[in-house]
Amino acid sequence: MFDPLDTALTRLLGCRYPIVQTAMGWVATPPLVIATSEAGAFGFLAAGVMTPAEVRDGIAAVRKGTAKPFGINFHMFQPGAAEIVEIIIQNADQVRAVSFGRGPDAKMIARFKDAGIICMPTVGAVKHAQKMVQLGVDAVTVQGGEGGGHTGSVASTILLPQVLDAVKVPVVAAGGFGDGRGLAAALAFGAVGIAMGTRFLMTQESAPPAHIKARYVKAGTDDIVVSTKVDGLPQRMIRNKLLDRIEAEHGLGIWKRGMESGLAMKKQSGASFGDLFKAAQGMRSHGGLTIAQAMTAAAAPMMIQKAVVEGDADNGLMATGLVAGRLTDLPTCQELIQSIMSEARERIAALTGATVVSGAA
């Protein structure tokens, strides 16, 4: 029997359900990836904020906790990127996919593909999706403007069909998704599944302290704003005291914050000043940023760490998708994924008038 929830995504990634847990820095740690994968979805480990040694340890921890395939997110401008690539390839027997927003060229993508690793970047514009396909990627995740962290201005309901019309690889929908209705809608558009960050952050197994997750539960849509002052690019976050201070910054204040965050990143990662400057320069050339903005962009994860790791809700940044404004619970990954699958099947059955097979759900 035909199962509409057995898609090209589940076959490509080797997962049970067409649901991807995205790689949120300091949030998508091994326990969340393990819980996601064991529940039948596909989890990505957030290696973009890790040193090579931490990536190696993180992969080992996930492998110890699950035999299911999982993915790694990284970017080529982070310190130790070349070594991280080698670590990923060494674990190609279980690391099924890599995701990235910027960096890898056609040669690097070919290396991953030769190792049997799926390349599935996240894009926020049609031209970026087309460029990634030209470079040889296997699939793309399309994040509409509702998404958290760095985001665009085009809503998922507009961007998703634009990209679907523009490329011929499997497309995963992201930005504003959080339940089975969203999954059914994404499939109706022609996507092969959904990717969710904030919804997985708001689970029992995600890394942030309980009182930080409570702030996400409490936040309404009016508490969630987009700022361009953090690093010059639009980012969606929960409004708090730090964000208000950043919004009021001018001139030297931006440089001061960039240097402070850069020093914190140097201490955390062990990177040299040269490594940090190289990362900033890479982001500058890639995104058209000023050097001050690039410095803050390279070090922005440290401000996120302040909230989601250290638990400082006033002096750290809390990246979030707009969907947090309507989410009111903190389920386990198992509960979340099962509820999404049940609701998606109900919606599809209601629309088609047909009996939808339950598959393994």
Protein backbone atom coordinates (compact mmCIF):
# COMPACT_ATOMS: atom_id res chain seq x y z
CA MET A 1 0.00 0.00 0.00
CA PHE A 2 1.10 3.57 -0.69
CA ASP A 3 2.36 5.52 2.29
CA PRO A 4 2.64 9.28 1.56
CA LEU A 5 4.96 9.67 4.55
CA ASP A 6 7.52 7.28 3.08
CA THR A 7 9.28 9.91 0.99
CA ALA A 8 12.47 10.49 -0.95
CA LEU A 9 13.87 12.00 2.27
CA THR A 10 13.42 8.85 4.35
CA ARG A 11 15.02 6.79 1.61
CA LEU A 12 17.87 9.25 1.12
CA LEU A 13 18.74 9.56 4.81
CA GLY A 14 17.76 6.09 5.97
CA CYS A 15 15.40 7.40 8.65
CA ARG A 16 11.89 6.23 9.51
CA TYR A 17 10.00 9.52 9.22
CA PRO A 18 10.44 12.62 6.98
CA ILE A 19 11.40 14.89 9.87
CA VAL A 20 14.81 16.53 10.33
CA GLN A 21 16.13 18.00 13.59
CA THR A 22 18.34 20.89 12.59
CA ALA A 23 21.76 21.66 14.03
CA MET A 24 21.41 24.50 16.52
CA GLY A 25 24.66 25.63 18.11
CA TRP A 26 24.97 24.58 21.76
CA VAL A 27 21.50 22.97 21.53
CA ALA A 28 21.84 20.01 19.15
CA THR A 29 24.24 18.05 21.34
CA PRO A 30 24.55 14.24 21.39
CA PRO A 31 21.55 13.60 23.72
CA LEU A 32 19.17 15.45 21.38
CA VAL A 33 20.60 13.80 18.26
CA ILE A 34 20.33 10.37 19.89
CA ALA A 35 16.75 10.94 21.06
CA THR A 36 15.71 12.27 17.65
CA SER A 37 17.27 9.41 15.74
CA GLU A 38 15.97 6.74 18.09
CA ALA A 39 12.45 8.18 17.70
CA GLY A 40 12.64 7.73 13.93
CA ALA A 41 13.54 11.21 12.66
CA PHE A 42 16.97 12.40 11.47
CA GLY A 43 19.20 14.36 13.84
CA PHE A 44 22.06 16.71 13.05
CA LEU A 45 24.91 17.30 15.50
CA ALA A 46 25.84 21.01 15.73
CA ALA A 47 29.57 20.83 15.01
CA GLY A 48 29.73 24.42 13.78
CA VAL A 49 30.51 25.58 17.33
CA MET A 50 32.91 22.74 18.16
CA THR A 51 36.64 22.21 18.00
CA PRO A 52 37.87 19.17 16.06
CA ALA A 53 38.40 17.28 19.34
CA GLU A 54 34.86 18.12 20.43
CA VAL A 55 33.50 16.97 17.08
CA ARG A 56 35.32 13.65 17.43
CA ASP A 57 33.99 13.19 20.96
CA GLY A 58 30.49 14.27 19.94
CA ILE A 59 30.35 11.77 17.09
CA ALA A 60 31.62 9.03 19.40
CA ALA A 61 28.91 9.89 21.94
CA VAL A 62 26.15 9.73 19.32
CA ARG A 63 27.48 6.45 17.95
CA LYS A 64 27.48 5.03 21.47
CA GLY A 65 23.86 6.07 22.00
CA THR A 66 22.33 4.97 18.70
CA ALA A 67 23.06 2.78 15.72
CA LYS A 68 20.80 4.95 13.54
CA PRO A 69 22.25 7.24 10.87
CA PHE A 70 22.71 10.91 11.75
CA GLY A 71 24.17 14.08 10.30
CA ILE A 72 26.81 16.74 11.04
CA ASN A 73 26.52 20.49 10.51
CA PHE A 74 29.65 22.61 10.11
CA HIS A 75 30.98 25.55 8.11
CA MET A 76 34.26 25.96 6.31
CA PHE A 77 35.16 29.23 8.05
CA GLN A 78 35.34 27.80 11.56
CA PRO A 79 38.74 27.08 13.14
CA GLY A 80 39.83 23.52 12.40
CA ALA A 81 37.37 23.06 9.53
CA ALA A 82 39.74 20.95 7.41
CA GLU A 83 40.31 18.51 10.29
CA ILE A 84 36.58 18.36 10.98
CA VAL A 85 35.96 17.35 7.38
CA GLU A 86 38.40 14.46 7.77
CA ILE A 87 36.72 13.35 11.01
CA ILE A 88 33.33 13.35 9.30
CA ILE A 89 34.61 11.25 6.41
CA GLN A 90 36.24 8.82 8.83
CA ASN A 91 32.79 8.20 10.29
CA ALA A 92 30.96 7.86 6.97
CA ASP A 93 29.61 4.45 7.95
CA GLN A 94 27.10 6.17 10.26
CA VAL A 95 27.32 9.87 9.44
CA ARG A 96 24.80 9.84 6.61
CA ALA A 97 24.64 13.54 5.78
CA VAL A 98 26.29 16.92 6.20
CA SER A 99 24.53 20.27 6.32
CA PHE A 100 26.06 23.70 5.93
CA GLY A 101 25.06 27.21 5.08
CA ARG A 102 28.27 28.45 3.53
CA GLY A 103 31.72 27.30 2.57
CA PRO A 104 32.14 23.95 0.78
CA ASP A 105 32.93 24.16 -2.93
CA ALA A 106 32.31 21.59 -5.65
CA LYS A 107 35.54 19.72 -4.84
CA MET A 108 34.62 19.38 -1.16
CA ILE A 109 31.06 18.33 -1.97
CA ALA A 110 32.45 15.69 -4.33
CA ARG A 111 34.66 14.36 -1.51
CA PHE A 112 31.65 13.89 0.72
CA LYS A 113 29.66 12.24 -2.04
CA ASP A 114 32.54 9.89 -2.87
CA ALA A 115 32.45 8.83 0.80
CA GLY A 116 28.72 8.11 0.53
CA ILE A 117 27.71 11.16 2.59
CA ILE A 118 24.64 13.14 1.53
CA CYS A 119 25.17 16.90 1.10
CA MET A 120 22.08 18.80 2.20
CA PRO A 121 22.77 22.53 2.71
CA THR A 122 20.31 25.05 4.13
CA VAL A 123 19.41 27.94 1.85
CA GLY A 124 17.22 30.99 2.21
CA ALA A 125 16.92 32.17 -1.39
CA VAL A 126 16.19 30.66 -4.80
CA LYS A 127 19.57 31.70 -6.21
CA HIS A 128 21.37 29.99 -3.34
CA ALA A 129 19.44 26.77 -3.93
CA GLN A 130 20.33 26.87 -7.61
CA LYS A 131 23.99 27.52 -6.82
CA MET A 132 24.16 24.60 -4.41
CA VAL A 133 22.59 22.27 -6.97
CA GLN A 134 25.14 23.44 -9.55
CA LEU A 135 27.88 22.51 -7.05
CA GLY A 136 26.49 18.98 -6.85
CA VAL A 137 24.49 18.71 -3.61
CA ASP A 138 21.98 15.90 -3.19
CA ALA A 139 19.13 17.87 -1.58
CA VAL A 140 18.43 21.30 -0.12
CA THR A 141 16.68 22.49 3.02
CA VAL A 142 14.77 25.68 2.31
CA GLN A 143 14.30 27.97 5.31
CA GLY A 144 11.60 30.59 4.98
CA GLY A 145 11.66 33.89 6.81
CA GLU A 146 9.85 32.46 9.83
CA GLY A 147 12.99 30.54 10.79
CA GLY A 148 15.25 31.25 13.74
CA GLY A 149 18.75 32.67 13.81
CA HIS A 150 19.87 34.09 10.47
CA THR A 151 16.81 34.37 8.30
CA GLY A 152 15.44 35.98 5.16
CA SER A 153 12.40 38.06 4.39
CA VAL A 154 10.49 35.62 2.17
CA ALA A 155 7.90 33.47 3.95
CA SER A 156 7.97 29.69 3.61
CA THR A 157 4.67 29.67 1.69
CA ILE A 158 6.33 31.77 -1.03
CA LEU A 159 9.94 30.58 -0.94
CA LEU A 160 9.20 26.86 -0.84
CA PRO A 161 7.24 26.71 -4.14
CA GLN A 162 9.77 29.04 -5.75
CA VAL A 163 12.61 26.68 -4.94
CA LEU A 164 10.58 23.60 -5.86
CA ASP A 165 10.05 25.12 -9.30
CA ALA A 166 13.71 26.05 -9.65
CA VAL A 167 15.59 22.86 -8.75
CA LYS A 168 15.24 19.16 -9.44
CA VAL A 169 16.66 17.71 -6.22
CA PRO A 170 14.64 16.75 -3.11
CA VAL A 171 13.61 19.82 -1.12
CA VAL A 172 13.04 19.87 2.65
CA ALA A 173 10.84 22.65 4.07
CA ALA A 174 11.97 24.67 7.11
CA GLY A 175 10.83 27.86 8.80
CA GLY A 176 7.60 27.89 10.79
CA PHE A 177 7.03 24.13 11.05
CA GLY A 178 6.16 22.47 14.34
CA ASP A 179 3.41 19.89 13.96
CA GLY A 180 1.72 17.33 11.72
CA ARG A 181 -0.38 19.94 9.95
CA GLY A 182 2.84 21.59 8.81
CA LEU A 183 4.26 18.29 7.59
CA ALA A 184 1.11 17.55 5.59
CA ALA A 185 1.19 21.06 4.12
CA ALA A 186 4.88 20.78 3.16
CA LEU A 187 4.24 17.48 1.41
CA ALA A 188 1.28 19.05 -0.41
CA PHE A 189 3.60 21.77 -1.71
CA GLY A 190 5.92 19.08 -3.06
CA ALA A 191 8.58 18.97 -0.35
CA VAL A 192 9.91 15.61 0.81
CA GLY A 193 9.74 16.44 4.52
CA ILE A 194 10.23 19.15 7.11
CA ALA A 195 13.18 20.39 9.16
CA MET A 196 12.62 21.93 12.58
CA GLY A 197 14.96 23.71 14.97
CA THR A 198 12.93 25.57 17.57
CA ARG A 199 10.44 22.74 17.98
CA PHE A 200 13.30 20.39 18.84
CA LEU A 201 14.91 22.98 21.10
CA MET A 202 11.63 22.93 22.99
CA THR A 203 11.89 19.25 23.95
CA GLN A 204 12.99 17.46 27.09
CA GLU A 205 16.23 16.20 25.56
CA SER A 206 17.60 19.47 24.20
CA ALA A 207 20.62 20.97 25.95
CA PRO A 208 19.43 24.37 27.32
CA PRO A 209 18.62 24.65 31.06
CA ALA A 210 14.98 24.27 32.07
CA HIS A 211 14.52 27.96 32.90
CA ILE A 212 15.78 28.96 29.44
CA LYS A 213 13.37 26.58 27.76
CA ALA A 214 10.66 28.09 29.96
CA ARG A 215 11.44 31.47 28.38
CA TYR A 216 10.77 29.93 24.97
CA VAL A 217 7.47 28.51 26.20
CA LYS A 218 6.49 31.88 27.66
CA ALA A 219 7.41 33.92 24.57
CA GLY A 220 4.55 35.06 22.38
CA THR A 221 4.89 36.11 18.76
CA ASP A 222 5.16 39.75 19.86
CA ASP A 223 8.22 38.87 21.97
CA ILE A 224 10.10 37.50 18.96
CA VAL A 225 11.89 40.03 16.77
CA VAL A 226 14.30 40.25 13.84
CA SER A 227 17.47 42.30 14.39
CA THR A 228 20.22 43.29 11.97
CA LYS A 229 22.42 44.75 14.69
CA VAL A 230 24.00 41.53 15.97
CA ASP A 231 26.25 41.07 12.94
CA GLY A 232 24.70 43.03 10.08
CA LEU A 233 22.45 40.22 8.88
CA PRO A 234 18.82 39.64 9.90
CA GLN A 235 18.49 37.31 12.88
CA ARG A 236 15.32 36.27 14.68
CA MET A 237 15.53 36.09 18.48
CA ILE A 238 13.55 36.43 21.67
CA ARG A 239 13.77 40.03 22.81
CA ASN A 240 15.71 40.48 26.05
CA LYS A 241 18.04 42.96 27.80
CA LEU A 242 21.11 42.06 25.71
CA LEU A 243 19.26 42.43 22.43
CA ASP A 244 17.91 45.81 23.54
CA ARG A 245 21.50 46.90 24.34
CA ILE A 246 22.74 45.69 20.97
CA GLU A 247 19.95 47.56 19.20
CA ALA A 248 21.14 50.76 20.88
CA GLU A 249 24.81 50.28 19.89
CA HIS A 250 26.67 52.50 17.43
CA GLY A 251 30.22 52.75 16.07
CA LEU A 252 32.77 51.74 18.66
CA GLY A 253 30.19 49.74 20.60
CA ILE A 254 29.97 47.24 17.74
CA TRP A 255 33.77 46.88 17.64
CA LYS A 256 33.91 46.47 21.42
CA ARG A 257 31.31 43.70 21.36
CA GLY A 258 33.06 41.97 18.47
CA MET A 259 36.41 41.99 20.30
CA GLU A 260 34.88 40.81 23.58
CA SER A 261 33.05 37.96 21.86
CA GLY A 262 36.13 37.10 19.83
CA LEU A 263 38.27 36.82 22.96
CA ALA A 264 35.63 34.62 24.57
CA MET A 265 35.60 32.41 21.48
CA LYS A 266 39.41 32.23 21.50
CA LYS A 267 39.38 31.09 25.12
CA GLN A 268 36.62 28.54 24.47
CA SER A 269 37.99 27.06 21.26
CA GLY A 270 41.74 27.44 21.72
CA ALA A 271 41.91 29.11 18.32
CA SER A 272 44.66 31.62 17.60
CA PHE A 273 44.02 35.26 16.74
CA GLY A 274 44.98 34.32 13.20
CA ASP A 275 42.32 31.61 13.11
CA LEU A 276 39.67 34.04 14.34
CA PHE A 277 40.70 36.70 11.83
CA LYS A 278 40.64 34.12 9.03
CA ALA A 279 37.13 33.02 10.06
CA ALA A 280 35.97 36.63 10.12
CA GLN A 281 37.54 37.33 6.74
CA GLY A 282 35.83 34.27 5.27
CA MET A 283 32.45 35.42 6.53
CA ARG A 284 33.15 38.95 5.30
CA SER A 285 33.96 37.83 1.76
CA HIS A 286 31.03 35.42 1.71
CA GLY A 287 28.33 37.66 3.12
CA GLY A 288 29.40 41.19 2.18
CA LEU A 289 29.89 42.21 5.83
CA THR A 290 32.13 44.91 7.25
CA ILE A 291 35.09 43.58 9.25
CA ALA A 292 33.39 44.67 12.49
CA GLN A 293 30.23 42.79 11.52
CA ALA A 294 32.26 39.77 10.46
CA MET A 295 34.04 39.74 13.82
CA THR A 296 30.71 39.71 15.64
CA ALA A 297 29.35 37.09 13.22
CA ALA A 298 32.33 34.81 13.84
CA ALA A 299 31.90 35.20 17.60
CA ALA A 300 28.09 35.35 17.78
CA PRO A 301 27.85 31.72 18.99
CA MET A 302 29.46 32.84 22.24
CA MET A 303 26.51 35.14 22.92
CA ILE A 304 24.13 32.28 22.22
CA GLN A 305 26.20 30.05 24.50
CA LYS A 306 25.75 32.60 27.29
CA ALA A 307 22.01 31.89 27.25
CA VAL A 308 21.58 28.27 26.21
CA VAL A 309 24.61 26.84 28.03
CA GLU A 310 25.32 29.18 30.94
CA GLY A 311 21.62 29.92 31.44
CA ASP A 312 21.88 33.72 31.42
CA ALA A 313 18.56 34.77 29.89
CA ASP A 314 19.31 38.51 30.13
CA ASN A 315 22.92 38.67 28.87
CA GLY A 316 22.84 36.00 26.17
CA LEU A 317 21.02 35.66 22.86
CA MET A 318 18.11 33.27 22.39
CA ALA A 319 17.74 32.50 18.70
CA THR A 320 14.28 31.25 17.83
CA GLY A 321 11.88 30.63 15.02
CA LEU A 322 8.61 32.52 15.03
CA VAL A 323 6.88 29.20 15.70
CA ALA A 324 7.94 29.45 19.36
CA GLY A 325 5.22 32.06 19.75
CA ARG A 326 2.57 29.37 19.48
CA LEU A 327 4.32 26.44 21.16
CA THR A 328 3.32 25.83 24.77
CA ASP A 329 4.88 22.51 25.76
CA LEU A 330 8.15 20.62 26.15
CA PRO A 331 7.52 17.04 25.00
CA THR A 332 10.07 14.28 24.68
CA CYS A 333 11.37 13.70 21.16
CA GLN A 334 9.45 10.43 21.04
CA GLU A 335 6.19 12.16 22.01
CA LEU A 336 6.79 14.99 19.56
CA ILE A 337 7.56 12.82 16.57
CA GLN A 338 4.70 10.43 17.19
CA SER A 339 2.24 13.31 17.52
CA ILE A 340 3.51 14.87 14.28
CA MET A 341 3.14 11.63 12.39
CA SER A 342 -0.34 10.90 13.77
CA GLU A 343 -1.59 14.41 12.98
CA ALA A 344 -0.05 14.38 9.50
CA ARG A 345 -1.79 11.11 8.69
CA GLU A 346 -5.10 12.49 9.96
CA ARG A 347 -4.76 15.63 7.84
CA ILE A 348 -3.83 13.69 4.70
CA ALA A 349 -6.72 11.28 5.23
CA ALA A 350 -9.17 14.16 5.76
CA LEU A 351 -8.04 15.82 2.54
CA THR A 352 -8.02 12.73 0.36
CA GLY A 353 -10.91 10.79 1.85
CA ALA A 354 -8.69 7.74 1.69
CA THR A 355 -7.38 5.45 4.35
CA VAL A 356 -3.75 6.35 4.89
CA VAL A 357 -1.59 3.43 5.93
CA SER A 358 0.10 3.89 9.26
CA GLY A 359 3.43 2.46 8.14
CA ALA A 360 5.66 2.03 11.17
CA ALA A 361 3.99 4.85 13.10
